[in-house]
Amino acid sequence: MNGSCQCGSVKFTTPTKIPINLYHCHCIDCRKQSASAFGTSAIFPFFKLPEDSPAVSHFSRCGSRILHAHVFDNEDPKVVAVKGGVLEGLNWEGAKHIFCRTAVVPIPEGVERWEAEPDFGKAK
């Protein structure tokens, strides 16, 4: 999938055409980061931004949050979470809802959901 920040200074292509998983997170941090009721993360196999991208840490020069990964022991992570809004043509159907205990909007009936962090094994 193609992705870019709001101003277009950072552009990238994900290593697969569809994400491994898709989460709508209702935690307070994700709500603040997205300035909305939840944040959406599309999970892909780990990749790095192109070498010619402007210096990026958590945010691009324009301020868009693009992606995040958890690094352990200075090794590349196995997956990276790409913020859903930066991806072109993302299919939002089937997203799993996490940290529902702090949701400020109703969670749709019948979706996979967790009251807190998912256990990546069983929906609750």
N, C-alpha and C. Protein backbone atom coordinates (compact mmCIF):
# COMPACT_ATOMS: atom_id res chain seq x y z
N MET A 1 0.86 -1.18 0.00
CA MET A 1 0.00 0.00 0.00
C MET A 1 0.90 1.23 0.00
N ASN A 2 0.43 2.27 -0.63
CA ASN A 2 1.16 3.54 -0.61
C ASN A 2 0.69 4.36 0.57
N GLY A 3 1.62 5.08 1.17
CA GLY A 3 1.30 5.94 2.29
C GLY A 3 2.08 7.23 2.22
N SER A 4 1.57 8.26 2.89
CA SER A 4 2.27 9.53 2.96
C SER A 4 1.74 10.33 4.14
N CYS A 5 2.58 11.27 4.58
CA CYS A 5 2.14 12.17 5.65
C CYS A 5 1.20 13.21 5.06
N GLN A 6 0.67 14.07 5.90
CA GLN A 6 -0.32 15.05 5.46
C GLN A 6 0.24 16.00 4.41
N CYS A 7 1.48 16.45 4.57
CA CYS A 7 2.03 17.42 3.61
C CYS A 7 2.70 16.74 2.42
N GLY A 8 2.89 15.42 2.47
CA GLY A 8 3.47 14.69 1.36
C GLY A 8 5.00 14.63 1.34
N SER A 9 5.65 15.17 2.38
CA SER A 9 7.12 15.14 2.38
C SER A 9 7.66 13.74 2.67
N VAL A 10 6.88 12.89 3.32
CA VAL A 10 7.27 11.51 3.57
C VAL A 10 6.33 10.60 2.81
N LYS A 11 6.91 9.78 1.91
CA LYS A 11 6.12 8.83 1.12
C LYS A 11 6.77 7.47 1.25
N PHE A 12 5.94 6.43 1.27
CA PHE A 12 6.48 5.08 1.42
C PHE A 12 5.50 4.08 0.85
N THR A 13 5.98 2.85 0.69
CA THR A 13 5.15 1.73 0.26
C THR A 13 5.34 0.61 1.28
N THR A 14 4.25 0.04 1.74
CA THR A 14 4.32 -1.06 2.72
C THR A 14 4.81 -2.34 2.02
N PRO A 15 5.38 -3.27 2.78
CA PRO A 15 5.92 -4.49 2.18
C PRO A 15 4.86 -5.48 1.72
N THR A 16 3.62 -5.32 2.18
CA THR A 16 2.52 -6.19 1.73
C THR A 16 1.36 -5.31 1.30
N LYS A 17 0.47 -5.87 0.47
CA LYS A 17 -0.65 -5.09 -0.07
C LYS A 17 -1.75 -4.86 0.94
N ILE A 18 -1.84 -5.70 1.95
CA ILE A 18 -2.83 -5.52 3.00
C ILE A 18 -2.15 -5.72 4.35
N PRO A 19 -2.68 -5.11 5.40
CA PRO A 19 -2.07 -5.28 6.72
C PRO A 19 -2.32 -6.67 7.30
N ILE A 20 -1.45 -7.06 8.21
CA ILE A 20 -1.61 -8.31 8.95
C ILE A 20 -2.81 -8.20 9.88
N ASN A 21 -3.00 -7.03 10.45
CA ASN A 21 -4.08 -6.76 11.40
C ASN A 21 -4.44 -5.29 11.33
N LEU A 22 -5.62 -4.96 11.83
CA LEU A 22 -6.07 -3.58 11.88
C LEU A 22 -6.77 -3.35 13.21
N TYR A 23 -6.33 -2.33 13.93
CA TYR A 23 -6.86 -2.05 15.26
C TYR A 23 -7.37 -0.62 15.35
N HIS A 24 -8.54 -0.46 15.98
CA HIS A 24 -9.01 0.85 16.41
C HIS A 24 -8.75 0.88 17.92
N CYS A 25 -7.85 1.74 18.34
CA CYS A 25 -7.48 1.80 19.75
C CYS A 25 -8.17 2.98 20.42
N HIS A 26 -8.86 2.68 21.52
CA HIS A 26 -9.64 3.68 22.25
C HIS A 26 -8.92 4.18 23.50
N CYS A 27 -7.61 3.90 23.63
CA CYS A 27 -6.88 4.37 24.82
C CYS A 27 -6.72 5.88 24.76
N ILE A 28 -6.43 6.46 25.90
CA ILE A 28 -6.32 7.92 25.99
C ILE A 28 -5.18 8.44 25.12
N ASP A 29 -4.02 7.75 25.08
CA ASP A 29 -2.90 8.20 24.26
C ASP A 29 -3.27 8.25 22.78
N CYS A 30 -3.91 7.19 22.28
CA CYS A 30 -4.30 7.17 20.86
C CYS A 30 -5.35 8.23 20.55
N ARG A 31 -6.25 8.48 21.49
CA ARG A 31 -7.23 9.54 21.27
C ARG A 31 -6.54 10.88 21.17
N LYS A 32 -5.55 11.12 22.02
CA LYS A 32 -4.82 12.40 21.96
C LYS A 32 -4.00 12.51 20.68
N GLN A 33 -3.32 11.42 20.28
CA GLN A 33 -2.51 11.45 19.07
C GLN A 33 -3.34 11.71 17.83
N SER A 34 -4.54 11.14 17.79
CA SER A 34 -5.38 11.30 16.61
C SER A 34 -6.31 12.51 16.70
N ALA A 35 -6.40 13.10 17.88
CA ALA A 35 -7.34 14.19 18.13
C ALA A 35 -8.75 13.77 17.75
N SER A 36 -9.07 12.50 18.07
CA SER A 36 -10.37 11.94 17.71
C SER A 36 -10.79 10.92 18.77
N ALA A 37 -11.83 10.15 18.47
CA ALA A 37 -12.37 9.19 19.43
C ALA A 37 -11.52 7.93 19.55
N PHE A 38 -10.68 7.65 18.57
CA PHE A 38 -9.78 6.49 18.61
C PHE A 38 -8.68 6.68 17.58
N GLY A 39 -7.62 5.91 17.71
CA GLY A 39 -6.55 5.89 16.72
C GLY A 39 -6.58 4.56 15.99
N THR A 40 -6.23 4.57 14.72
CA THR A 40 -6.23 3.34 13.93
C THR A 40 -4.81 2.99 13.55
N SER A 41 -4.44 1.73 13.79
CA SER A 41 -3.11 1.23 13.43
C SER A 41 -3.26 0.00 12.55
N ALA A 42 -2.61 0.05 11.39
CA ALA A 42 -2.55 -1.08 10.46
C ALA A 42 -1.20 -1.75 10.67
N ILE A 43 -1.20 -3.03 10.99
CA ILE A 43 0.02 -3.75 11.34
C ILE A 43 0.59 -4.42 10.08
N PHE A 44 1.86 -4.13 9.80
CA PHE A 44 2.57 -4.69 8.65
C PHE A 44 3.86 -5.34 9.10
N PRO A 45 4.42 -6.23 8.26
CA PRO A 45 5.78 -6.70 8.56
C PRO A 45 6.70 -5.47 8.64
N PHE A 46 7.70 -5.53 9.50
CA PHE A 46 8.57 -4.38 9.72
C PHE A 46 9.21 -3.91 8.42
N PHE A 47 9.25 -2.60 8.26
CA PHE A 47 9.97 -1.97 7.16
C PHE A 47 10.47 -0.62 7.65
N LYS A 48 11.44 -0.09 6.95
CA LYS A 48 11.97 1.23 7.28
C LYS A 48 11.52 2.22 6.22
N LEU A 49 11.42 3.49 6.61
CA LEU A 49 11.09 4.52 5.65
C LEU A 49 12.24 4.67 4.66
N PRO A 50 11.96 5.15 3.44
CA PRO A 50 13.02 5.32 2.46
C PRO A 50 14.14 6.22 2.97
N GLU A 51 15.35 5.94 2.54
CA GLU A 51 16.52 6.70 2.99
C GLU A 51 16.41 8.19 2.69
N ASP A 52 15.71 8.56 1.61
CA ASP A 52 15.62 9.97 1.24
C ASP A 52 14.48 10.70 1.96
N SER A 53 13.83 10.05 2.92
CA SER A 53 12.78 10.72 3.71
C SER A 53 13.42 11.78 4.59
N PRO A 54 12.72 12.88 4.81
CA PRO A 54 13.26 13.87 5.76
C PRO A 54 13.37 13.24 7.14
N ALA A 55 14.19 13.84 7.97
CA ALA A 55 14.39 13.30 9.32
C ALA A 55 13.05 13.12 10.00
N VAL A 56 12.80 11.90 10.45
CA VAL A 56 11.53 11.56 11.08
C VAL A 56 11.82 10.84 12.38
N SER A 57 11.15 11.22 13.44
CA SER A 57 11.20 10.43 14.67
C SER A 57 9.81 9.85 14.84
N HIS A 58 8.99 10.44 15.68
CA HIS A 58 7.61 9.99 15.80
C HIS A 58 6.70 10.74 14.84
N PHE A 59 7.11 11.92 14.43
CA PHE A 59 6.28 12.76 13.59
C PHE A 59 7.09 13.24 12.40
N SER A 60 6.43 13.49 11.27
CA SER A 60 7.11 14.09 10.13
C SER A 60 7.21 15.58 10.35
N ARG A 61 7.89 16.26 9.46
CA ARG A 61 8.06 17.70 9.60
C ARG A 61 6.71 18.41 9.71
N CYS A 62 5.69 17.90 9.03
CA CYS A 62 4.38 18.55 9.08
C CYS A 62 3.62 18.23 10.37
N GLY A 63 4.12 17.28 11.15
CA GLY A 63 3.48 16.96 12.41
C GLY A 63 2.62 15.72 12.39
N SER A 64 2.47 15.07 11.24
CA SER A 64 1.67 13.85 11.16
C SER A 64 2.37 12.70 11.85
N ARG A 65 1.62 11.97 12.65
CA ARG A 65 2.15 10.71 13.18
C ARG A 65 2.01 9.68 12.07
N ILE A 66 3.08 8.98 11.76
CA ILE A 66 3.09 8.08 10.61
C ILE A 66 3.09 6.62 11.03
N LEU A 67 4.02 6.23 11.88
CA LEU A 67 4.15 4.83 12.27
C LEU A 67 4.90 4.72 13.58
N HIS A 68 4.83 3.52 14.15
CA HIS A 68 5.62 3.25 15.34
C HIS A 68 5.90 1.75 15.45
N ALA A 69 7.01 1.47 16.10
CA ALA A 69 7.41 0.09 16.33
C ALA A 69 8.12 0.04 17.67
N HIS A 70 8.07 -1.10 18.31
CA HIS A 70 8.76 -1.28 19.59
C HIS A 70 10.08 -1.99 19.33
N VAL A 71 11.18 -1.34 19.66
CA VAL A 71 12.51 -1.90 19.45
C VAL A 71 12.99 -2.51 20.75
N PHE A 72 13.44 -3.76 20.68
CA PHE A 72 13.97 -4.46 21.84
C PHE A 72 15.38 -4.92 21.52
N ASP A 73 16.30 -4.70 22.44
CA ASP A 73 17.68 -5.17 22.31
C ASP A 73 18.33 -4.71 21.01
N ASN A 74 18.03 -3.51 20.56
CA ASN A 74 18.62 -2.92 19.35
C ASN A 74 18.44 -3.76 18.11
N GLU A 75 17.41 -4.61 18.07
CA GLU A 75 17.11 -5.41 16.89
C GLU A 75 15.88 -4.84 16.20
N ASP A 76 15.83 -4.99 14.87
CA ASP A 76 14.64 -4.55 14.15
C ASP A 76 13.44 -5.33 14.65
N PRO A 77 12.32 -4.64 14.87
CA PRO A 77 11.09 -5.34 15.29
C PRO A 77 10.57 -6.24 14.17
N LYS A 78 9.64 -7.11 14.51
CA LYS A 78 9.04 -8.00 13.51
C LYS A 78 7.90 -7.30 12.76
N VAL A 79 7.24 -6.35 13.43
CA VAL A 79 6.12 -5.63 12.81
C VAL A 79 6.24 -4.14 13.09
N VAL A 80 5.50 -3.37 12.29
CA VAL A 80 5.40 -1.93 12.49
C VAL A 80 3.93 -1.55 12.38
N ALA A 81 3.49 -0.61 13.20
CA ALA A 81 2.11 -0.12 13.17
C ALA A 81 2.07 1.19 12.39
N VAL A 82 1.36 1.18 11.28
CA VAL A 82 1.22 2.36 10.43
C VAL A 82 -0.13 2.99 10.75
N LYS A 83 -0.16 4.28 10.98
CA LYS A 83 -1.41 4.96 11.29
C LYS A 83 -2.33 4.89 10.07
N GLY A 84 -3.55 4.43 10.30
CA GLY A 84 -4.48 4.14 9.22
C GLY A 84 -4.75 5.29 8.27
N GLY A 85 -4.79 6.50 8.78
CA GLY A 85 -5.12 7.65 7.95
C GLY A 85 -4.08 8.01 6.91
N VAL A 86 -2.86 7.49 7.01
CA VAL A 86 -1.82 7.82 6.04
C VAL A 86 -1.79 6.84 4.86
N LEU A 87 -2.61 5.79 4.90
CA LEU A 87 -2.59 4.75 3.87
C LEU A 87 -3.67 4.97 2.82
N GLU A 88 -3.30 4.87 1.55
CA GLU A 88 -4.24 4.99 0.45
C GLU A 88 -4.98 3.67 0.25
N GLY A 89 -6.29 3.71 0.20
CA GLY A 89 -7.09 2.53 -0.11
C GLY A 89 -7.19 1.50 0.99
N LEU A 90 -6.95 1.89 2.23
CA LEU A 90 -7.07 0.94 3.34
C LEU A 90 -8.51 0.49 3.50
N ASN A 91 -8.72 -0.81 3.59
CA ASN A 91 -10.05 -1.36 3.86
C ASN A 91 -10.24 -1.38 5.38
N TRP A 92 -11.14 -0.58 5.88
CA TRP A 92 -11.34 -0.41 7.32
C TRP A 92 -12.24 -1.49 7.91
N GLU A 93 -12.83 -2.34 7.08
CA GLU A 93 -13.73 -3.38 7.57
C GLU A 93 -12.96 -4.43 8.35
N GLY A 94 -13.57 -4.94 9.38
CA GLY A 94 -12.96 -6.02 10.16
C GLY A 94 -11.95 -5.57 11.20
N ALA A 95 -11.85 -4.26 11.41
CA ALA A 95 -10.90 -3.78 12.43
C ALA A 95 -11.29 -4.30 13.80
N LYS A 96 -10.29 -4.57 14.61
CA LYS A 96 -10.50 -5.03 15.98
C LYS A 96 -10.40 -3.81 16.90
N HIS A 97 -11.21 -3.79 17.93
CA HIS A 97 -11.24 -2.66 18.85
C HIS A 97 -10.52 -3.04 20.14
N ILE A 98 -9.59 -2.16 20.55
CA ILE A 98 -8.82 -2.42 21.77
C ILE A 98 -8.95 -1.24 22.73
N PHE A 99 -8.69 -1.51 24.00
CA PHE A 99 -8.85 -0.55 25.09
C PHE A 99 -10.27 0.03 25.10
N CYS A 100 -11.25 -0.86 24.92
CA CYS A 100 -12.66 -0.45 24.88
C CYS A 100 -13.14 0.11 26.21
N ARG A 101 -12.46 -0.21 27.30
CA ARG A 101 -12.90 0.29 28.62
C ARG A 101 -12.85 1.80 28.69
N THR A 102 -12.07 2.46 27.82
CA THR A 102 -11.99 3.92 27.82
C THR A 102 -12.62 4.53 26.57
N ALA A 103 -13.41 3.76 25.85
CA ALA A 103 -14.05 4.26 24.63
C ALA A 103 -15.03 5.39 24.94
N VAL A 104 -15.07 6.37 24.05
CA VAL A 104 -16.00 7.49 24.19
C VAL A 104 -17.09 7.44 23.12
N VAL A 105 -17.03 6.42 22.26
CA VAL A 105 -18.06 6.18 21.25
C VAL A 105 -18.50 4.73 21.38
N PRO A 106 -19.71 4.41 20.96
CA PRO A 106 -20.16 3.02 21.04
C PRO A 106 -19.30 2.10 20.17
N ILE A 107 -19.04 0.90 20.66
CA ILE A 107 -18.31 -0.12 19.90
C ILE A 107 -19.37 -0.94 19.15
N PRO A 108 -19.20 -1.13 17.83
CA PRO A 108 -20.21 -1.89 17.08
C PRO A 108 -20.38 -3.31 17.62
N GLU A 109 -21.60 -3.80 17.56
CA GLU A 109 -21.89 -5.18 17.96
C GLU A 109 -21.18 -6.15 17.02
N GLY A 110 -20.72 -7.27 17.57
CA GLY A 110 -20.17 -8.34 16.76
C GLY A 110 -18.72 -8.20 16.34
N VAL A 111 -18.04 -7.12 16.73
CA VAL A 111 -16.64 -6.97 16.36
C VAL A 111 -15.74 -7.64 17.40
N GLU A 112 -14.52 -8.00 17.00
CA GLU A 112 -13.56 -8.49 17.98
C GLU A 112 -13.15 -7.30 18.83
N ARG A 113 -13.12 -7.51 20.14
CA ARG A 113 -12.82 -6.39 21.04
C ARG A 113 -12.12 -6.86 22.30
N TRP A 114 -11.34 -5.98 22.88
CA TRP A 114 -10.68 -6.22 24.16
C TRP A 114 -10.90 -4.99 25.02
N GLU A 115 -11.11 -5.21 26.30
CA GLU A 115 -11.29 -4.09 27.22
C GLU A 115 -9.99 -3.34 27.45
N ALA A 116 -8.86 -4.00 27.26
CA ALA A 116 -7.55 -3.38 27.42
C ALA A 116 -6.68 -3.85 26.25
N GLU A 117 -5.40 -4.08 26.54
CA GLU A 117 -4.47 -4.54 25.50
C GLU A 117 -4.87 -5.94 25.05
N PRO A 118 -4.82 -6.20 23.74
CA PRO A 118 -5.20 -7.53 23.27
C PRO A 118 -4.20 -8.59 23.72
N ASP A 119 -4.69 -9.80 23.92
CA ASP A 119 -3.80 -10.90 24.27
C ASP A 119 -3.31 -11.63 23.03
N PHE A 120 -3.74 -11.13 21.85
CA PHE A 120 -3.34 -11.67 20.55
C PHE A 120 -3.65 -13.16 20.44
N GLY A 121 -4.62 -13.62 21.20
CA GLY A 121 -5.02 -15.01 21.13
C GLY A 121 -6.53 -15.18 21.14
N LYS A 122 -7.18 -14.48 22.08
CA LYS A 122 -8.62 -14.64 22.22
C LYS A 122 -9.30 -13.30 22.37
N ALA A 123 -10.37 -13.07 21.64
CA ALA A 123 -11.17 -11.87 21.82
C ALA A 123 -12.02 -12.03 23.05
N LYS A 124 -12.30 -10.96 23.74
CA LYS A 124 -13.13 -10.99 24.94
C LYS A 124 -14.40 -10.21 24.72
